[in-house]
N, C-alpha and C. Protein backbone atom coordinates (compact mmCIF):
# COMPACT_ATOMS: atom_id res chain seq x y z
N MET A 1 0.44 54.17 56.46
CA MET A 1 -0.23 53.38 55.45
C MET A 1 0.30 51.96 55.51
N SER A 2 -0.60 51.01 55.58
CA SER A 2 -0.23 49.61 55.73
C SER A 2 -0.28 48.92 54.37
N HIS A 3 0.67 48.08 54.17
CA HIS A 3 0.72 47.29 52.93
C HIS A 3 0.47 45.83 53.26
N ALA A 4 -0.74 45.52 53.66
CA ALA A 4 -1.08 44.17 54.08
C ALA A 4 -0.96 43.18 52.93
N HIS A 5 -1.24 43.62 51.73
CA HIS A 5 -1.18 42.70 50.60
C HIS A 5 0.25 42.27 50.30
N LEU A 6 1.24 43.06 50.70
CA LEU A 6 2.63 42.68 50.47
C LEU A 6 3.14 41.73 51.55
N GLU A 7 2.51 41.71 52.69
CA GLU A 7 2.97 40.88 53.78
C GLU A 7 2.40 39.46 53.70
N ALA A 8 1.38 39.26 52.93
CA ALA A 8 0.75 37.94 52.83
C ALA A 8 1.63 37.02 51.98
N ALA A 9 1.56 35.76 52.30
CA ALA A 9 2.31 34.78 51.53
C ALA A 9 1.67 34.63 50.15
N PRO A 10 2.47 34.41 49.12
CA PRO A 10 1.89 34.23 47.78
C PRO A 10 1.05 32.97 47.73
N MET A 11 -0.02 33.03 46.98
CA MET A 11 -0.91 31.90 46.87
C MET A 11 -0.31 30.89 45.89
N THR A 12 -0.22 29.66 46.31
CA THR A 12 0.29 28.61 45.44
C THR A 12 -0.78 27.55 45.28
N LEU A 13 -0.75 26.90 44.14
CA LEU A 13 -1.71 25.84 43.87
C LEU A 13 -1.13 24.51 44.32
N PRO A 14 -1.97 23.62 44.81
CA PRO A 14 -1.47 22.28 45.14
C PRO A 14 -1.01 21.56 43.88
N LEU A 15 -0.17 20.57 44.01
CA LEU A 15 0.37 19.86 42.85
C LEU A 15 -0.70 19.11 42.07
N ALA A 16 -1.80 18.77 42.69
CA ALA A 16 -2.86 18.02 42.00
C ALA A 16 -3.58 18.89 40.97
N VAL A 17 -3.62 20.19 41.18
CA VAL A 17 -4.34 21.06 40.24
C VAL A 17 -3.64 21.11 38.89
N PRO A 18 -2.32 21.36 38.81
CA PRO A 18 -1.68 21.33 37.49
C PRO A 18 -1.75 19.96 36.83
N ALA A 19 -1.63 18.90 37.61
CA ALA A 19 -1.72 17.55 37.04
C ALA A 19 -3.11 17.29 36.48
N ALA A 20 -4.14 17.83 37.13
CA ALA A 20 -5.50 17.64 36.64
C ALA A 20 -5.73 18.38 35.33
N TRP A 21 -5.03 19.47 35.10
CA TRP A 21 -5.18 20.24 33.86
C TRP A 21 -4.31 19.70 32.74
N LEU A 22 -3.23 19.02 33.08
CA LEU A 22 -2.27 18.60 32.06
C LEU A 22 -2.86 17.55 31.11
N GLY A 23 -3.58 16.58 31.63
CA GLY A 23 -4.15 15.53 30.77
C GLY A 23 -5.14 16.07 29.74
N PRO A 24 -6.16 16.81 30.16
CA PRO A 24 -7.10 17.36 29.18
C PRO A 24 -6.45 18.35 28.22
N TRP A 25 -5.49 19.12 28.70
CA TRP A 25 -4.81 20.08 27.82
C TRP A 25 -4.01 19.34 26.75
N ALA A 26 -3.31 18.28 27.15
CA ALA A 26 -2.55 17.50 26.18
C ALA A 26 -3.48 16.84 25.17
N GLU A 27 -4.62 16.36 25.62
CA GLU A 27 -5.60 15.75 24.70
C GLU A 27 -6.13 16.79 23.72
N LEU A 28 -6.39 18.00 24.19
CA LEU A 28 -6.86 19.07 23.32
C LEU A 28 -5.81 19.40 22.26
N GLN A 29 -4.56 19.47 22.67
CA GLN A 29 -3.49 19.75 21.70
C GLN A 29 -3.39 18.63 20.67
N ARG A 30 -3.54 17.38 21.11
CA ARG A 30 -3.48 16.26 20.18
C ARG A 30 -4.62 16.33 19.16
N VAL A 31 -5.81 16.67 19.62
CA VAL A 31 -6.97 16.77 18.72
C VAL A 31 -6.77 17.93 17.73
N GLN A 32 -6.21 19.04 18.21
CA GLN A 32 -5.97 20.17 17.31
C GLN A 32 -4.94 19.82 16.24
N TRP A 33 -3.87 19.15 16.62
CA TRP A 33 -2.86 18.76 15.64
C TRP A 33 -3.43 17.75 14.65
N GLN A 34 -4.27 16.85 15.14
CA GLN A 34 -4.89 15.88 14.25
C GLN A 34 -5.78 16.58 13.23
N ALA A 35 -6.51 17.60 13.65
CA ALA A 35 -7.36 18.35 12.72
C ALA A 35 -6.51 19.08 11.68
N ILE A 36 -5.40 19.65 12.11
CA ILE A 36 -4.51 20.35 11.17
C ILE A 36 -3.94 19.37 10.15
N VAL A 37 -3.52 18.20 10.61
CA VAL A 37 -2.94 17.20 9.71
C VAL A 37 -4.00 16.72 8.71
N LEU A 38 -5.21 16.48 9.16
CA LEU A 38 -6.28 16.04 8.25
C LEU A 38 -6.59 17.11 7.21
N PHE A 39 -6.62 18.37 7.64
CA PHE A 39 -6.87 19.46 6.69
C PHE A 39 -5.74 19.55 5.68
N HIS A 40 -4.50 19.42 6.15
CA HIS A 40 -3.34 19.48 5.26
C HIS A 40 -3.38 18.34 4.25
N ASN A 41 -3.75 17.14 4.71
CA ASN A 41 -3.84 16.00 3.80
C ASN A 41 -4.92 16.20 2.75
N SER A 42 -6.03 16.84 3.13
CA SER A 42 -7.07 17.10 2.14
C SER A 42 -6.58 18.10 1.09
N LEU A 43 -5.80 19.09 1.51
CA LEU A 43 -5.24 20.04 0.55
C LEU A 43 -4.24 19.36 -0.38
N LEU A 44 -3.46 18.44 0.15
CA LEU A 44 -2.51 17.70 -0.69
C LEU A 44 -3.23 16.85 -1.72
N ALA A 45 -4.32 16.21 -1.32
CA ALA A 45 -5.09 15.39 -2.26
C ALA A 45 -5.70 16.26 -3.36
N TYR A 46 -6.20 17.43 -2.98
CA TYR A 46 -6.77 18.36 -3.94
C TYR A 46 -5.71 18.84 -4.93
N GLN A 47 -4.54 19.16 -4.42
CA GLN A 47 -3.45 19.63 -5.29
C GLN A 47 -3.02 18.53 -6.25
N LYS A 48 -2.95 17.29 -5.75
CA LYS A 48 -2.56 16.18 -6.61
C LYS A 48 -3.59 15.97 -7.71
N GLU A 49 -4.86 16.06 -7.36
CA GLU A 49 -5.91 15.91 -8.37
C GLU A 49 -5.82 17.00 -9.44
N LEU A 50 -5.60 18.23 -9.02
CA LEU A 50 -5.45 19.33 -9.99
C LEU A 50 -4.25 19.10 -10.90
N TRP A 51 -3.14 18.65 -10.32
CA TRP A 51 -1.94 18.39 -11.12
C TRP A 51 -2.21 17.28 -12.14
N GLU A 52 -2.89 16.22 -11.74
CA GLU A 52 -3.18 15.13 -12.68
C GLU A 52 -4.12 15.58 -13.79
N GLN A 53 -5.10 16.42 -13.47
CA GLN A 53 -5.99 16.94 -14.50
C GLN A 53 -5.22 17.82 -15.48
N TRP A 54 -4.32 18.65 -14.96
CA TRP A 54 -3.53 19.53 -15.83
C TRP A 54 -2.63 18.70 -16.73
N ALA A 55 -1.98 17.69 -16.13
CA ALA A 55 -1.05 16.86 -16.90
C ALA A 55 -1.79 16.11 -18.00
N CYS A 56 -2.97 15.60 -17.71
CA CYS A 56 -3.72 14.87 -18.73
C CYS A 56 -4.18 15.79 -19.85
N ARG A 57 -4.54 17.01 -19.50
CA ARG A 57 -5.07 17.93 -20.52
C ARG A 57 -3.98 18.59 -21.33
N TYR A 58 -2.94 19.13 -20.68
CA TYR A 58 -1.97 19.96 -21.38
C TYR A 58 -0.64 19.26 -21.63
N ALA A 59 -0.31 18.21 -20.91
CA ALA A 59 0.98 17.56 -21.09
C ALA A 59 0.87 16.29 -21.93
N GLY A 60 -0.31 15.91 -22.33
CA GLY A 60 -0.48 14.81 -23.25
C GLY A 60 -0.60 13.43 -22.61
N GLY A 61 -0.88 13.35 -21.35
CA GLY A 61 -1.06 12.04 -20.75
C GLY A 61 -0.98 12.07 -19.24
N ALA A 62 -0.99 10.89 -18.68
CA ALA A 62 -0.94 10.77 -17.22
C ALA A 62 0.46 11.14 -16.73
N PRO A 63 0.58 11.76 -15.58
CA PRO A 63 1.90 12.10 -15.05
C PRO A 63 2.67 10.84 -14.66
N LEU A 64 3.97 10.87 -14.81
CA LEU A 64 4.80 9.69 -14.56
C LEU A 64 5.12 9.52 -13.08
N ASP A 65 4.99 10.55 -12.27
CA ASP A 65 5.39 10.48 -10.86
C ASP A 65 4.28 9.98 -9.95
N SER A 66 3.20 9.46 -10.46
CA SER A 66 2.08 8.99 -9.62
C SER A 66 2.42 7.71 -8.92
């Protein structure tokens, strides 16, 4: 029984292939992080608005930490 697949040299990619993937992959990661940060900022703004409404209604005035 011959094991021809074990005798062959492992296939390697030229250096240009990983470099060609690195730029678009890094850009995709940057866009994803930017989307996460924008979503987080919108949640922070919503939370701040809720806190100000609560403070005005139940605490007797505008919050002092604004």
